[in-house]
């Protein structure tokens, strides 16, 4: 004689049921920590500052006497360093905004 215990039988859930109970975040994404959120806000504030500074230096470059190559070189290096900083800031902003 076989006895079946229904109370102990494990019920398997379908894939659809398991997915319905899954977290609301898509896989691979997570919420930003407070520190990351603060960093993202700082980056978003820094981007327009860099753009404004590059525009200002570019305009000053147009106004420099063409025979003053030392000043032209100095301003050009400043623009290059700001563009490098912009690349770094934008890359980090992209990393944080995709989380």
Protein backbone atom coordinates (compact mmCIF):
# COMPACT_ATOMS: atom_id res chain seq x y z
CA UNK A 1 0.00 0.00 0.00
CA UNK A 2 1.40 3.44 -1.04
CA UNK A 3 0.69 6.53 0.96
CA UNK A 4 0.94 9.93 -0.66
CA UNK A 5 1.60 12.97 1.45
CA UNK A 6 0.20 15.96 -0.31
CA UNK A 7 1.20 18.45 2.33
CA UNK A 8 4.90 17.68 1.84
CA UNK A 9 4.93 17.56 -1.92
CA UNK A 10 7.05 20.32 -3.36
CA UNK A 11 5.34 22.39 -5.95
CA UNK A 12 7.51 23.56 -8.84
CA UNK A 13 6.84 26.99 -10.18
CA UNK A 14 6.87 27.80 -13.84
CA UNK A 15 9.44 30.16 -15.29
CA UNK A 16 6.72 32.77 -15.77
CA UNK A 17 5.82 32.67 -12.05
CA UNK A 18 9.47 32.98 -11.02
CA UNK A 19 9.98 35.98 -13.29
CA UNK A 20 6.86 37.66 -11.90
CA UNK A 21 8.41 37.51 -8.43
CA UNK A 22 11.82 38.74 -9.57
CA UNK A 23 13.16 42.16 -8.60
CA UNK A 24 11.90 45.13 -10.55
CA UNK A 25 15.45 46.05 -11.64
CA UNK A 26 16.60 44.58 -14.94
CA UNK A 27 19.46 42.14 -14.60
CA UNK A 28 22.85 43.81 -14.39
CA UNK A 29 21.56 47.14 -13.08
CA UNK A 30 21.41 48.43 -9.56
CA UNK A 31 20.52 51.55 -7.69
CA UNK A 32 23.28 54.11 -7.13
CA UNK A 33 24.69 54.48 -3.65
CA UNK A 34 24.55 57.88 -1.96
CA UNK A 35 28.20 58.49 -2.77
CA UNK A 36 27.71 57.56 -6.44
CA UNK A 37 24.59 59.75 -6.68
CA UNK A 38 26.54 62.68 -5.22
CA UNK A 39 29.39 62.05 -7.66
CA UNK A 40 26.92 61.96 -10.58
CA UNK A 41 25.45 65.29 -9.52
CA UNK A 42 28.93 66.81 -9.22
CA UNK A 43 29.86 65.53 -12.68
CA UNK A 44 26.67 66.96 -14.16
CA UNK A 45 27.59 70.34 -12.66
CA UNK A 46 31.22 70.11 -13.85
CA UNK A 47 30.45 69.37 -17.52
CA UNK A 48 28.95 72.82 -18.31
CA UNK A 49 31.81 74.48 -16.43
CA UNK A 50 34.39 72.74 -18.61
CA UNK A 51 32.44 73.56 -21.77
CA UNK A 52 32.25 77.23 -20.79
CA UNK A 53 35.96 77.38 -20.01
CA UNK A 54 36.86 75.75 -23.36
CA UNK A 55 34.66 78.25 -25.19
CA UNK A 56 36.26 81.16 -23.32
CA UNK A 57 39.79 79.96 -24.07
CA UNK A 58 38.94 79.30 -27.70
CA UNK A 59 37.60 82.82 -28.01
CA UNK A 60 40.73 84.25 -26.36
CA UNK A 61 42.85 82.21 -28.75
CA UNK A 62 41.23 84.04 -31.65
CA UNK A 63 42.09 87.38 -30.07
CA UNK A 64 45.76 86.66 -29.38
CA UNK A 65 48.29 88.33 -31.66
CA UNK A 66 49.58 85.68 -34.06
CA UNK A 67 53.19 86.62 -33.35
CA UNK A 68 52.78 85.79 -29.65
CA UNK A 69 53.36 82.05 -30.07
CA UNK A 70 54.13 81.46 -26.38
CA UNK A 71 50.69 82.65 -25.30
CA UNK A 72 49.06 80.69 -28.14
CA UNK A 73 50.88 77.58 -26.98
CA UNK A 74 49.84 78.14 -23.34
CA UNK A 75 46.18 78.61 -24.23
CA UNK A 76 46.25 75.61 -26.58
CA UNK A 77 47.69 73.39 -23.82
CA UNK A 78 44.98 74.60 -21.45
CA UNK A 79 42.30 73.70 -23.99
CA UNK A 80 43.86 70.27 -24.50
CA UNK A 81 43.96 69.57 -20.77
CA UNK A 82 40.32 70.66 -20.42
CA UNK A 83 39.34 68.37 -23.29
CA UNK A 84 41.16 65.50 -21.59
CA UNK A 85 39.36 66.28 -18.33
CA UNK A 86 36.05 66.40 -20.24
CA UNK A 87 36.72 62.93 -21.67
CA UNK A 88 37.38 61.54 -18.18
CA UNK A 89 34.33 63.26 -16.69
CA UNK A 90 32.05 62.12 -19.52
CA UNK A 91 33.29 58.54 -19.27
CA UNK A 92 32.61 58.43 -15.53
CA UNK A 93 29.23 60.14 -16.00
CA UNK A 94 28.30 57.49 -18.56
CA UNK A 95 29.34 54.68 -16.19
CA UNK A 96 27.21 56.07 -13.38
CA UNK A 97 24.20 56.95 -15.51
CA UNK A 98 24.04 53.41 -16.92
CA UNK A 99 23.78 51.81 -13.46
